[in-house]
PDB file of N, CA and C in Angstrom:
ATOM      1  N   UNK A   1       0.819  -1.206   0.000  1.00  0.00           N
ATOM      2  CA  UNK A   1       0.000   0.000   0.000  1.00  0.00           C
ATOM      3  C   UNK A   1       0.863   1.271   0.000  1.00  0.00           C
ATOM      4  N   UNK A   2       1.954   1.246   0.783  1.00  0.00           N
ATOM      5  CA  UNK A   2       2.800   2.443   0.827  1.00  0.00           C
ATOM      6  C   UNK A   2       3.523   2.660  -0.497  1.00  0.00           C
ATOM      7  N   UNK A   3       3.792   1.562  -1.246  1.00  0.00           N
ATOM      8  CA  UNK A   3       4.439   1.721  -2.547  1.00  0.00           C
ATOM      9  C   UNK A   3       3.538   2.491  -3.504  1.00  0.00           C
ATOM     10  N   UNK A   4       2.253   2.193  -3.446  1.00  0.00           N
ATOM     11  CA  UNK A   4       1.303   2.882  -4.323  1.00  0.00           C
ATOM     12  C   UNK A   4       1.211   4.356  -3.942  1.00  0.00           C
ATOM     13  N   UNK A   5       1.163   4.624  -2.644  1.00  0.00           N
ATOM     14  CA  UNK A   5       1.121   6.009  -2.181  1.00  0.00           C
ATOM     15  C   UNK A   5       2.404   6.747  -2.533  1.00  0.00           C
ATOM     16  N   UNK A   6       3.537   6.084  -2.370  1.00  0.00           N
ATOM     17  CA  UNK A   6       4.823   6.689  -2.705  1.00  0.00           C
ATOM     18  C   UNK A   6       4.929   6.969  -4.200  1.00  0.00           C
ATOM     19  N   UNK A   7       4.362   6.097  -5.007  1.00  0.00           N
ATOM     20  CA  UNK A   7       4.412   6.275  -6.459  1.00  0.00           C
ATOM     21  C   UNK A   7       3.391   7.300  -6.943  1.00  0.00           C
ATOM     22  N   UNK A   8       2.330   7.515  -6.180  1.00  0.00           N
ATOM     23  CA  UNK A   8       1.270   8.427  -6.620  1.00  0.00           C
ATOM     24  C   UNK A   8       1.764   9.864  -6.727  1.00  0.00           C
ATOM     25  N   UNK A   9       2.607  10.288  -5.806  1.00  0.00           N
ATOM     26  CA  UNK A   9       3.085  11.677  -5.822  1.00  0.00           C
ATOM     27  C   UNK A   9       3.892  11.976  -7.083  1.00  0.00           C
ATOM     28  N   UNK A  10       4.881  11.150  -7.445  1.00  0.00           N
ATOM     29  CA  UNK A  10       5.588  11.434  -8.709  1.00  0.00           C
ATOM     30  C   UNK A  10       4.688  11.341  -9.935  1.00  0.00           C
ATOM     31  N   UNK A  11       3.687  10.446  -9.922  1.00  0.00           N
ATOM     32  CA  UNK A  11       2.769  10.363 -11.065  1.00  0.00           C
ATOM     33  C   UNK A  11       1.954  11.642 -11.198  1.00  0.00           C
ATOM     34  N   UNK A  12       1.507  12.209 -10.085  1.00  0.00           N
ATOM     35  CA  UNK A  12       0.752  13.467 -10.125  1.00  0.00           C
ATOM     36  C   UNK A  12       1.655  14.603 -10.613  1.00  0.00           C
ATOM     37  N   UNK A  13       2.883  14.634 -10.102  1.00  0.00           N
ATOM     38  CA  UNK A  13       3.825  15.667 -10.550  1.00  0.00           C
ATOM     39  C   UNK A  13       4.159  15.506 -12.029  1.00  0.00           C
ATOM     40  N   UNK A  14       4.261  14.260 -12.487  1.00  0.00           N
ATOM     41  CA  UNK A  14       4.506  13.997 -13.899  1.00  0.00           C
ATOM     42  C   UNK A  14       3.352  14.512 -14.747  1.00  0.00           C
ATOM     43  N   UNK A  15       2.143  14.236 -14.324  1.00  0.00           N
ATOM     44  CA  UNK A  15       0.966  14.703 -15.065  1.00  0.00           C
ATOM     45  C   UNK A  15       0.939  16.231 -15.127  1.00  0.00           C
ATOM     46  N   UNK A  16       1.246  16.879 -14.014  1.00  0.00           N
ATOM     47  CA  UNK A  16       1.260  18.348 -13.991  1.00  0.00           C
ATOM     48  C   UNK A  16       2.322  18.895 -14.944  1.00  0.00           C
ATOM     49  N   UNK A  17       3.514  18.307 -14.916  1.00  0.00           N
ATOM     50  CA  UNK A  17       4.585  18.774 -15.801  1.00  0.00           C
ATOM     51  C   UNK A  17       4.229  18.544 -17.266  1.00  0.00           C
ATOM     52  N   UNK A  18       3.600  17.418 -17.565  1.00  0.00           N
ATOM     53  CA  UNK A  18       3.219  17.138 -18.953  1.00  0.00           C
ATOM     54  C   UNK A  18       2.113  18.077 -19.433  1.00  0.00           C
ATOM     55  N   UNK A  19       1.193  18.436 -18.548  1.00  0.00           N
ATOM     56  CA  UNK A  19       0.146  19.404 -18.910  1.00  0.00           C
ATOM     57  C   UNK A  19       0.774  20.766 -19.195  1.00  0.00           C
ATOM     58  N   UNK A  20       1.708  21.192 -18.344  1.00  0.00           N
ATOM     59  CA  UNK A  20       2.404  22.459 -18.576  1.00  0.00           C
ATOM     60  C   UNK A  20       3.185  22.404 -19.887  1.00  0.00           C
ATOM     61  N   UNK A  21       3.790  21.257 -20.168  1.00  0.00           N
ATOM     62  CA  UNK A  21       4.547  21.083 -21.407  1.00  0.00           C
ATOM     63  C   UNK A  21       3.639  21.228 -22.628  1.00  0.00           C
ATOM     64  N   UNK A  22       2.514  20.560 -22.609  1.00  0.00           N
ATOM     65  CA  UNK A  22       1.580  20.631 -23.736  1.00  0.00           C
ATOM     66  C   UNK A  22       1.101  22.060 -23.935  1.00  0.00           C
ATOM     67  N   UNK A  23       0.752  22.736 -22.835  1.00  0.00           N
ATOM     68  CA  UNK A  23       0.288  24.115 -22.943  1.00  0.00           C
ATOM     69  C   UNK A  23       1.405  25.032 -23.464  1.00  0.00           C
ATOM     70  N   UNK A  24       2.630  24.731 -23.096  1.00  0.00           N
ATOM     71  CA  UNK A  24       3.753  25.540 -23.594  1.00  0.00           C
ATOM     72  C   UNK A  24       3.954  25.327 -25.085  1.00  0.00           C
ATOM     73  N   UNK A  25       3.865  24.077 -25.535  1.00  0.00           N
ATOM     74  CA  UNK A  25       4.002  23.817 -26.967  1.00  0.00           C
ATOM     75  C   UNK A  25       2.884  24.486 -27.764  1.00  0.00           C
ATOM     76  N   UNK A  26       1.707  24.607 -27.160  1.00  0.00           N
ATOM     77  CA  UNK A  26       0.587  25.280 -27.812  1.00  0.00           C
ATOM     78  C   UNK A  26       0.646  26.801 -27.646  1.00  0.00           C
ATOM     79  N   UNK A  27       1.645  27.278 -26.901  1.00  0.00           N
ATOM     80  CA  UNK A  27       1.831  28.694 -26.597  1.00  0.00           C
ATOM     81  C   UNK A  27       0.594  29.291 -25.933  1.00  0.00           C
ATOM     82  N   UNK A  28       0.079  28.571 -24.967  1.00  0.00           N
ATOM     83  CA  UNK A  28      -1.092  29.021 -24.206  1.00  0.00           C
ATOM     84  C   UNK A  28      -0.719  29.119 -22.734  1.00  0.00           C
ATOM     85  N   UNK A  29      -1.356  30.026 -22.045  1.00  0.00           N
ATOM     86  CA  UNK A  29      -1.138  30.156 -20.619  1.00  0.00           C
ATOM     87  C   UNK A  29       0.094  30.976 -20.295  1.00  0.00           C
ATOM     88  N   UNK A  30       0.374  31.046 -18.998  1.00  0.00           N
ATOM     89  CA  UNK A  30       1.506  31.823 -18.512  1.00  0.00           C
ATOM     90  C   UNK A  30       2.807  31.175 -18.978  1.00  0.00           C
ATOM     91  N   UNK A  31       3.739  31.990 -19.392  1.00  0.00           N
ATOM     92  CA  UNK A  31       5.043  31.504 -19.866  1.00  0.00           C
ATOM     93  C   UNK A  31       5.951  31.291 -18.653  1.00  0.00           C
ATOM     94  N   UNK A  32       6.186  30.032 -18.316  1.00  0.00           N
ATOM     95  CA  UNK A  32       7.039  29.678 -17.183  1.00  0.00           C
ATOM     96  C   UNK A  32       8.491  29.590 -17.649  1.00  0.00           C
ATOM     97  N   UNK A  33       9.094  30.759 -17.786  1.00  0.00           N
ATOM     98  CA  UNK A  33      10.459  30.855 -18.272  1.00  0.00           C
ATOM     99  C   UNK A  33      11.116  32.041 -17.577  1.00  0.00           C
ATOM    100  N   UNK A  34      12.321  31.835 -17.043  1.00  0.00           N
ATOM    101  CA  UNK A  34      13.006  32.905 -16.317  1.00  0.00           C
ATOM    102  C   UNK A  34      13.207  34.156 -17.163  1.00  0.00           C
ATOM    103  N   UNK A  35      13.529  33.990 -18.416  1.00  0.00           N
ATOM    104  CA  UNK A  35      13.749  35.148 -19.289  1.00  0.00           C
ATOM    105  C   UNK A  35      12.495  36.009 -19.355  1.00  0.00           C
ATOM    106  N   UNK A  36      11.335  35.390 -19.361  1.00  0.00           N
ATOM    107  CA  UNK A  36      10.078  36.138 -19.418  1.00  0.00           C
ATOM    108  C   UNK A  36       9.701  36.672 -18.042  1.00  0.00           C
ATOM    109  N   UNK A  37       9.847  35.846 -17.028  1.00  0.00           N
ATOM    110  CA  UNK A  37       9.418  36.242 -15.685  1.00  0.00           C
ATOM    111  C   UNK A  37      10.206  37.454 -15.199  1.00  0.00           C
ATOM    112  N   UNK A  38      11.514  37.498 -15.458  1.00  0.00           N
ATOM    113  CA  UNK A  38      12.356  38.582 -14.966  1.00  0.00           C
ATOM    114  C   UNK A  38      12.458  39.757 -15.935  1.00  0.00           C
ATOM    115  N   UNK A  39      11.813  39.677 -17.074  1.00  0.00           N
ATOM    116  CA  UNK A  39      11.856  40.778 -18.043  1.00  0.00           C
ATOM    117  C   UNK A  39      10.965  41.925 -17.572  1.00  0.00           C
ATOM    118  N   UNK A  40      11.339  43.127 -17.955  1.00  0.00           N
ATOM    119  CA  UNK A  40      10.505  44.290 -17.633  1.00  0.00           C
ATOM    120  C   UNK A  40       9.252  44.269 -18.500  1.00  0.00           C
ATOM    121  N   UNK A  41       8.312  45.112 -18.163  1.00  0.00           N
ATOM    122  CA  UNK A  41       7.059  45.164 -18.935  1.00  0.00           C
ATOM    123  C   UNK A  41       7.320  45.522 -20.392  1.00  0.00           C
ATOM    124  N   UNK A  42       8.259  46.439 -20.624  1.00  0.00           N
ATOM    125  CA  UNK A  42       8.576  46.839 -21.991  1.00  0.00           C
ATOM    126  C   UNK A  42       9.207  45.673 -22.755  1.00  0.00           C
ATOM    127  N   UNK A  43      10.099  44.950 -22.099  1.00  0.00           N
ATOM    128  CA  UNK A  43      10.725  43.796 -22.748  1.00  0.00           C
ATOM    129  C   UNK A  43       9.693  42.712 -23.060  1.00  0.00           C
ATOM    130  N   UNK A  44       8.761  42.484 -22.141  1.00  0.00           N
ATOM    131  CA  UNK A  44       7.727  41.467 -22.354  1.00  0.00           C
ATOM    132  C   UNK A  44       6.874  41.803 -23.571  1.00  0.00           C
ATOM    133  N   UNK A  45       6.623  43.082 -23.786  1.00  0.00           N
ATOM    134  CA  UNK A  45       5.810  43.503 -24.927  1.00  0.00           C
ATOM    135  C   UNK A  45       6.541  43.242 -26.253  1.00  0.00           C
ATOM    136  N   UNK A  46       7.872  43.476 -26.268  1.00  0.00           N
ATOM    137  CA  UNK A  46       8.660  43.330 -27.488  1.00  0.00           C
ATOM    138  C   UNK A  46       9.172  41.915 -27.718  1.00  0.00           C
ATOM    139  N   UNK A  47       9.148  41.087 -26.688  1.00  0.00           N
ATOM    140  CA  UNK A  47       9.784  39.773 -26.722  1.00  0.00           C
ATOM    141  C   UNK A  47       9.073  38.810 -27.681  1.00  0.00           C
ATOM    142  N   UNK A  48       9.898  38.073 -28.435  1.00  0.00           N
ATOM    143  CA  UNK A  48       9.382  36.959 -29.238  1.00  0.00           C
ATOM    144  C   UNK A  48       9.279  35.765 -28.289  1.00  0.00           C
ATOM    145  N   UNK A  49       8.058  35.408 -27.941  1.00  0.00           N
ATOM    146  CA  UNK A  49       7.850  34.392 -26.906  1.00  0.00           C
ATOM    147  C   UNK A  49       7.946  32.959 -27.430  1.00  0.00           C
ATOM    148  N   UNK A  50       7.885  32.763 -28.723  1.00  0.00           N
ATOM    149  CA  UNK A  50       7.884  31.403 -29.285  1.00  0.00           C
ATOM    150  C   UNK A  50       9.079  30.547 -28.859  1.00  0.00           C
ATOM    151  N   UNK A  51      10.313  31.044 -28.964  1.00  0.00           N
ATOM    152  CA  UNK A  51      11.423  30.179 -28.544  1.00  0.00           C
ATOM    153  C   UNK A  51      11.395  29.868 -27.047  1.00  0.00           C
ATOM    154  N   UNK A  52      10.897  30.806 -26.257  1.00  0.00           N
ATOM    155  CA  UNK A  52      10.821  30.576 -24.816  1.00  0.00           C
ATOM    156  C   UNK A  52       9.732  29.555 -24.479  1.00  0.00           C
ATOM    157  N   UNK A  53       8.606  29.627 -25.182  1.00  0.00           N
ATOM    158  CA  UNK A  53       7.562  28.604 -25.000  1.00  0.00           C
ATOM    159  C   UNK A  53       8.092  27.223 -25.391  1.00  0.00           C
ATOM    160  N   UNK A  54       8.812  27.158 -26.503  1.00  0.00           N
ATOM    161  CA  UNK A  54       9.365  25.879 -26.961  1.00  0.00           C
ATOM    162  C   UNK A  54      10.366  25.333 -25.944  1.00  0.00           C
ATOM    163  N   UNK A  55      11.236  26.197 -25.451  1.00  0.00           N
ATOM    164  CA  UNK A  55      12.215  25.784 -24.451  1.00  0.00           C
ATOM    165  C   UNK A  55      11.516  25.271 -23.196  1.00  0.00           C
ATOM    166  N   UNK A  56      10.521  25.991 -22.716  1.00  0.00           N
ATOM    167  CA  UNK A  56       9.786  25.556 -21.530  1.00  0.00           C
ATOM    168  C   UNK A  56       9.057  24.246 -21.786  1.00  0.00           C
ATOM    169  N   UNK A  57       8.488  24.102 -22.979  1.00  0.00           N
ATOM    170  CA  UNK A  57       7.788  22.867 -23.311  1.00  0.00           C
ATOM    171  C   UNK A  57       8.704  21.657 -23.280  1.00  0.00           C
ATOM    172  N   UNK A  58       9.892  21.801 -23.833  1.00  0.00           N
ATOM    173  CA  UNK A  58      10.846  20.685 -23.853  1.00  0.00           C
ATOM    174  C   UNK A  58      11.332  20.369 -22.445  1.00  0.00           C
ATOM    175  N   UNK A  59      11.664  21.397 -21.675  1.00  0.00           N
ATOM    176  CA  UNK A  59      12.150  21.157 -20.307  1.00  0.00           C
ATOM    177  C   UNK A  59      11.069  20.502 -19.461  1.00  0.00           C
ATOM    178  N   UNK A  60       9.838  20.983 -19.545  1.00  0.00           N
ATOM    179  CA  UNK A  60       8.763  20.370 -18.761  1.00  0.00           C
ATOM    180  C   UNK A  60       8.430  18.964 -19.255  1.00  0.00           C
ATOM    181  N   UNK A  61       8.611  18.701 -20.531  1.00  0.00           N
ATOM    182  CA  UNK A  61       8.442  17.342 -21.038  1.00  0.00           C
ATOM    183  C   UNK A  61       9.474  16.411 -20.413  1.00  0.00           C
ATOM    184  N   UNK A  62      10.717  16.854 -20.380  1.00  0.00           N
ATOM    185  CA  UNK A  62      11.773  16.045 -19.761  1.00  0.00           C
ATOM    186  C   UNK A  62      11.520  15.856 -18.260  1.00  0.00           C
ATOM    187  N   UNK A  63      11.085  16.909 -17.584  1.00  0.00           N
ATOM    188  CA  UNK A  63      10.774  16.805 -16.152  1.00  0.00           C
ATOM    189  C   UNK A  63       9.611  15.839 -15.928  1.00  0.00           C
ATOM    190  N   UNK A  64       8.605  15.905 -16.785  1.00  0.00           N
ATOM    191  CA  UNK A  64       7.477  14.973 -16.682  1.00  0.00           C
ATOM    192  C   UNK A  64       7.922  13.530 -16.867  1.00  0.00           C
ATOM    193  N   UNK A  65       8.826  13.313 -17.820  1.00  0.00           N
ATOM    194  CA  UNK A  65       9.345  11.964 -18.036  1.00  0.00           C
ATOM    195  C   UNK A  65      10.159  11.489 -16.829  1.00  0.00           C
ATOM    196  N   UNK A  66      10.920  12.389 -16.235  1.00  0.00           N
ATOM    197  CA  UNK A  66      11.711  12.042 -15.052  1.00  0.00           C
ATOM    198  C   UNK A  66      10.793  11.611 -13.911  1.00  0.00           C
ATOM    199  N   UNK A  67       9.762  12.408 -13.643  1.00  0.00           N
ATOM    200  CA  UNK A  67       8.841  12.046 -12.559  1.00  0.00           C
ATOM    201  C   UNK A  67       8.074  10.766 -12.873  1.00  0.00           C
ATOM    202  N   UNK A  68       7.750  10.546 -14.126  1.00  0.00           N
ATOM    203  CA  UNK A  68       7.087   9.301 -14.510  1.00  0.00           C
ATOM    204  C   UNK A  68       7.993   8.109 -14.204  1.00  0.00           C
ATOM    205  N   UNK A  69       9.255   8.221 -14.551  1.00  0.00           N
ATOM    206  CA  UNK A  69      10.210   7.145 -14.266  1.00  0.00           C
ATOM    207  C   UNK A  69      10.416   6.954 -12.764  1.00  0.00           C
ATOM    208  N   UNK A  70      10.423   8.042 -12.004  1.00  0.00           N
ATOM    209  CA  UNK A  70      10.543   7.925 -10.550  1.00  0.00           C
ATOM    210  C   UNK A  70       9.350   7.171  -9.988  1.00  0.00           C
ATOM    211  N   UNK A  71       8.153   7.474 -10.491  1.00  0.00           N
ATOM    212  CA  UNK A  71       6.959   6.761 -10.047  1.00  0.00           C
ATOM    213  C   UNK A  71       7.009   5.286 -10.408  1.00  0.00           C
ATOM    214  N   UNK A  72       7.448   4.983 -11.615  1.00  0.00           N
ATOM    215  CA  UNK A  72       7.566   3.577 -12.043  1.00  0.00           C
ATOM    216  C   UNK A  72       8.597   2.857 -11.191  1.00  0.00           C
ATOM    217  N   UNK A  73       9.702   3.532 -10.918  1.00  0.00           N
ATOM    218  CA  UNK A  73      10.746   2.921 -10.092  1.00  0.00           C
ATOM    219  C   UNK A  73      10.223   2.647  -8.679  1.00  0.00           C
ATOM    220  N   UNK A  74       9.468   3.575  -8.112  1.00  0.00           N
ATOM    221  CA  UNK A  74       8.920   3.385  -6.768  1.00  0.00           C
ATOM    222  C   UNK A  74       7.885   2.267  -6.753  1.00  0.00           C
ATOM    223  N   UNK A  75       7.108   2.158  -7.810  1.00  0.00           N
ATOM    224  CA  UNK A  75       6.043   1.164  -7.876  1.00  0.00           C
ATOM    225  C   UNK A  75       6.584  -0.238  -8.131  1.00  0.00           C
ATOM    226  N   UNK A  76       7.525  -0.351  -9.056  1.00  0.00           N
ATOM    227  CA  UNK A  76       8.020  -1.672  -9.464  1.00  0.00           C
ATOM    228  C   UNK A  76       9.345  -2.059  -8.814  1.00  0.00           C
ATOM    229  N   UNK A  77       9.983  -1.130  -8.125  1.00  0.00           N
ATOM    230  CA  UNK A  77      11.266  -1.380  -7.467  1.00  0.00           C
ATOM    231  C   UNK A  77      12.311  -1.906  -8.452  1.00  0.00           C
ATOM    232  N   UNK A  78      12.403  -1.206  -9.585  1.00  0.00           N
ATOM    233  CA  UNK A  78      13.390  -1.541 -10.621  1.00  0.00           C
ATOM    234  C   UNK A  78      14.567  -0.584 -10.451  1.00  0.00           C
ATOM    235  N   UNK A  79      15.721  -1.113 -10.139  1.00  0.00           N
ATOM    236  CA  UNK A  79      16.886  -0.287  -9.797  1.00  0.00           C
ATOM    237  C   UNK A  79      17.518   0.407 -11.005  1.00  0.00           C
ATOM    238  N   UNK A  80      17.545  -0.228 -12.163  1.00  0.00           N
ATOM    239  CA  UNK A  80      18.250   0.327 -13.317  1.00  0.00           C
ATOM    240  C   UNK A  80      17.584   1.580 -13.863  1.00  0.00           C
ATOM    241  N   UNK A  81      16.320   1.826 -13.529  1.00  0.00           N
ATOM    242  CA  UNK A  81      15.635   3.029 -14.024  1.00  0.00           C
ATOM    243  C   UNK A  81      16.321   4.291 -13.500  1.00  0.00           C
ATOM    244  N   UNK A  82      16.995   4.170 -12.364  1.00  0.00           N
ATOM    245  CA  UNK A  82      17.718   5.317 -11.812  1.00  0.00           C
ATOM    246  C   UNK A  82      18.710   5.893 -12.822  1.00  0.00           C
ATOM    247  N   UNK A  83      19.379   5.045 -13.566  1.00  0.00           N
ATOM    248  CA  UNK A  83      20.375   5.511 -14.533  1.00  0.00           C
ATOM    249  C   UNK A  83      19.714   6.270 -15.687  1.00  0.00           C
ATOM    250  N   UNK A  84      18.554   5.831 -16.099  1.00  0.00           N
ATOM    251  CA  UNK A  84      17.803   6.546 -17.142  1.00  0.00           C
ATOM    252  C   UNK A  84      17.368   7.903 -16.602  1.00  0.00           C
ATOM    253  N   UNK A  85      16.905   7.935 -15.354  1.00  0.00           N
ATOM    254  CA  UNK A  85      16.514   9.195 -14.719  1.00  0.00           C
ATOM    255  C   UNK A  85      17.696  10.164 -14.671  1.00  0.00           C
ATOM    256  N   UNK A  86      18.855   9.646 -14.283  1.00  0.00           N
ATOM    257  CA  UNK A  86      20.053  10.496 -14.187  1.00  0.00           C
ATOM    258  C   UNK A  86      20.425  11.075 -15.543  1.00  0.00           C
ATOM    259  N   UNK A  87      20.335  10.271 -16.580  1.00  0.00           N
ATOM    260  CA  UNK A  87      20.637  10.745 -17.938  1.00  0.00           C
ATOM    261  C   UNK A  87      19.649  11.845 -18.338  1.00  0.00           C
ATOM    262  N   UNK A  88      18.372  11.660 -18.028  1.00  0.00           N
ATOM    263  CA  UNK A  88      17.367  12.673 -18.369  1.00  0.00           C
ATOM    264  C   UNK A  88      17.576  13.964 -17.585  1.00  0.00           C
ATOM    265  N   UNK A  89      17.963  13.855 -16.324  1.00  0.00           N
ATOM    266  CA  UNK A  89      18.228  15.054 -15.516  1.00  0.00           C
ATOM    267  C   UNK A  89      19.398  15.835 -16.113  1.00  0.00           C
ATOM    268  N   UNK A  90      20.455  15.132 -16.466  1.00  0.00           N
ATOM    269  CA  UNK A  90      21.621  15.783 -17.071  1.00  0.00           C
ATOM    270  C   UNK A  90      21.255  16.392 -18.419  1.00  0.00           C
ATOM    271  N   UNK A  91      20.479  15.667 -19.216  1.00  0.00           N
ATOM    272  CA  UNK A  91      20.055  16.177 -20.523  1.00  0.00           C
ATOM    273  C   UNK A  91      19.199  17.429 -20.368  1.00  0.00           C
ATOM    274  N   UNK A  92      18.292  17.432 -19.396  1.00  0.00           N
ATOM    275  CA  UNK A  92      17.433  18.602 -19.176  1.00  0.00           C
ATOM    276  C   UNK A  92      18.259  19.810 -18.759  1.00  0.00           C
ATOM    277  N   UNK A  93      19.226  19.603 -17.877  1.00  0.00           N
ATOM    278  CA  UNK A  93      20.068  20.712 -17.422  1.00  0.00           C
ATOM    279  C   UNK A  93      20.909  21.259 -18.569  1.00  0.00           C
ATOM    280  N   UNK A  94      21.514  20.377 -19.335  1.00  0.00           N
ATOM    281  CA  UNK A  94      22.337  20.822 -20.468  1.00  0.00           C
ATOM    282  C   UNK A  94      21.475  21.535 -21.501  1.00  0.00           C
ATOM    283  N   UNK A  95      20.305  20.969 -21.809  1.00  0.00           N
ATOM    284  CA  UNK A  95      19.423  21.604 -22.797  1.00  0.00           C
ATOM    285  C   UNK A  95      18.999  22.995 -22.327  1.00  0.00           C
ATOM    286  N   UNK A  96      18.644  23.130 -21.049  1.00  0.00           N
ATOM    287  CA  UNK A  96      18.193  24.426 -20.541  1.00  0.00           C
ATOM    288  C   UNK A  96      19.274  25.485 -20.702  1.00  0.00           C
ATOM    289  N   UNK A  97      20.510  25.147 -20.394  1.00  0.00           N
ATOM    290  CA  UNK A  97      21.605  26.114 -20.493  1.00  0.00           C
ATOM    291  C   UNK A  97      21.922  26.423 -21.958  1.00  0.00           C
ATOM    292  N   UNK A  98      22.090  25.391 -22.770  1.00  0.00           N
ATOM    293  CA  UNK A  98      22.452  25.594 -24.171  1.00  0.00           C
ATOM    294  C   UNK A  98      21.360  26.347 -24.927  1.00  0.00           C
ATOM    295  N   UNK A  99      20.113  25.980 -24.704  1.00  0.00           N
ATOM    296  CA  UNK A  99      19.025  26.657 -25.423  1.00  0.00           C
ATOM    297  C   UNK A  99      18.886  28.108 -24.975  1.00  0.00           C
ATOM    298  N   UNK A 100      19.139  28.391 -23.700  1.00  0.00           N
ATOM    299  CA  UNK A 100      19.099  29.784 -23.237  1.00  0.00           C
ATOM    300  C   UNK A 100      20.166  30.617 -23.934  1.00  0.00           C
ATOM    301  N   UNK A 101      21.363  30.055 -24.050  1.00  0.00           N
ATOM    302  CA  UNK A 101      22.444  30.760 -24.738  1.00  0.00           C
ATOM    303  C   UNK A 101      22.086  30.971 -26.208  1.00  0.00           C
ATOM    304  N   UNK A 102      21.539  29.957 -26.854  1.00  0.00           N
ATOM    305  CA  UNK A 102      21.174  30.064 -28.275  1.00  0.00           C
ATOM    306  C   UNK A 102      20.064  31.095 -28.490  1.00  0.00           C
ATOM    307  N   UNK A 103      19.071  31.104 -27.619  1.00  0.00           N
ATOM    308  CA  UNK A 103      17.980  32.081 -27.742  1.00  0.00           C
ATOM    309  C   UNK A 103      18.536  33.493 -27.586  1.00  0.00           C
ATOM    310  N   UNK A 104      19.406  33.673 -26.611  1.00  0.00           N
ATOM    311  CA  UNK A 104      19.995  34.992 -26.382  1.00  0.00           C
ATOM    312  C   UNK A 104      20.868  35.411 -27.565  1.00  0.00           C
ATOM    313  N   UNK A 105      21.607  34.476 -28.134  1.00  0.00           N
ATOM    314  CA  UNK A 105      22.455  34.766 -29.299  1.00  0.00           C
ATOM    315  C   UNK A 105      21.598  35.168 -30.494  1.00  0.00           C
ATOM    316  N   UNK A 106      20.508  34.445 -30.724  1.00  0.00           N
ATOM    317  CA  UNK A 106      19.613  34.784 -31.832  1.00  0.00           C
ATOM    318  C   UNK A 106      18.986  36.161 -31.621  1.00  0.00           C
ATOM    319  N   UNK A 107      18.648  36.470 -30.374  1.00  0.00           N
ATOM    320  CA  UNK A 107      18.065  37.778 -30.061  1.00  0.00           C
ATOM    321  C   UNK A 107      19.071  38.883 -30.348  1.00  0.00           C
ATOM    322  N   UNK A 108      20.316  38.671 -29.980  1.00  0.00           N
ATOM    323  CA  UNK A 108      21.351  39.666 -30.235  1.00  0.00           C
ATOM    324  C   UNK A 108      21.645  39.819 -31.719  1.00  0.00           C
ATOM    325  N   UNK A 109      21.624  38.691 -32.462  1.00  0.00           N
ATOM    326  CA  UNK A 109      21.834  38.752 -33.920  1.00  0.00           C
ATOM    327  C   UNK A 109      20.734  39.552 -34.592  1.00  0.00           C
ATOM    328  N   UNK A 110      19.492  39.349 -34.148  1.00  0.00           N
ATOM    329  CA  UNK A 110      18.366  40.104 -34.725  1.00  0.00           C
ATOM    330  C   UNK A 110      18.460  41.582 -34.383  1.00  0.00           C
ATOM    331  N   UNK A 111      18.958  41.906 -33.190  1.00  0.00           N
ATOM    332  CA  UNK A 111      19.089  43.293 -32.775  1.00  0.00           C
ATOM    333  C   UNK A 111      20.144  44.032 -33.591  1.00  0.00           C
ATOM    334  N   UNK A 112      21.168  43.305 -34.024  1.00  0.00           N
ATOM    335  CA  UNK A 112      22.232  43.927 -34.816  1.00  0.00           C
ATOM    336  C   UNK A 112      21.804  44.229 -36.236  1.00  0.00           C
ATOM    337  N   UNK A 113      20.804  43.524 -36.738  1.00  0.00           N
ATOM    338  CA  UNK A 113      20.353  43.744 -38.119  1.00  0.00           C
ATOM    339  C   UNK A 113      19.581  45.007 -38.290  1.00  0.00           C
TER     340      UNK A 113
END
């Protein structure tokens, strides 16, 4: 019984992350992205939000997959899933940093034109 309860929390978090991911890919709802959240009102008005929505969608998709795997691991007690989770965590972190740099570079290139 406790395994099911322990697995339920990551499954709920996975569902929430996947819903946020889908909404981000559809460019609907609040943009959960640091570049947007910390931007001034003037910057938010001028900002091209599409790359930020895409970045948030991919990151939340990866986070949803991570929580799904954590729930499966808790439910089935499969040890090797931890390594897949670790790879996804590293991939999400690397993607978040690299994509932020690329978005900023593209923004600067457009500003120079």
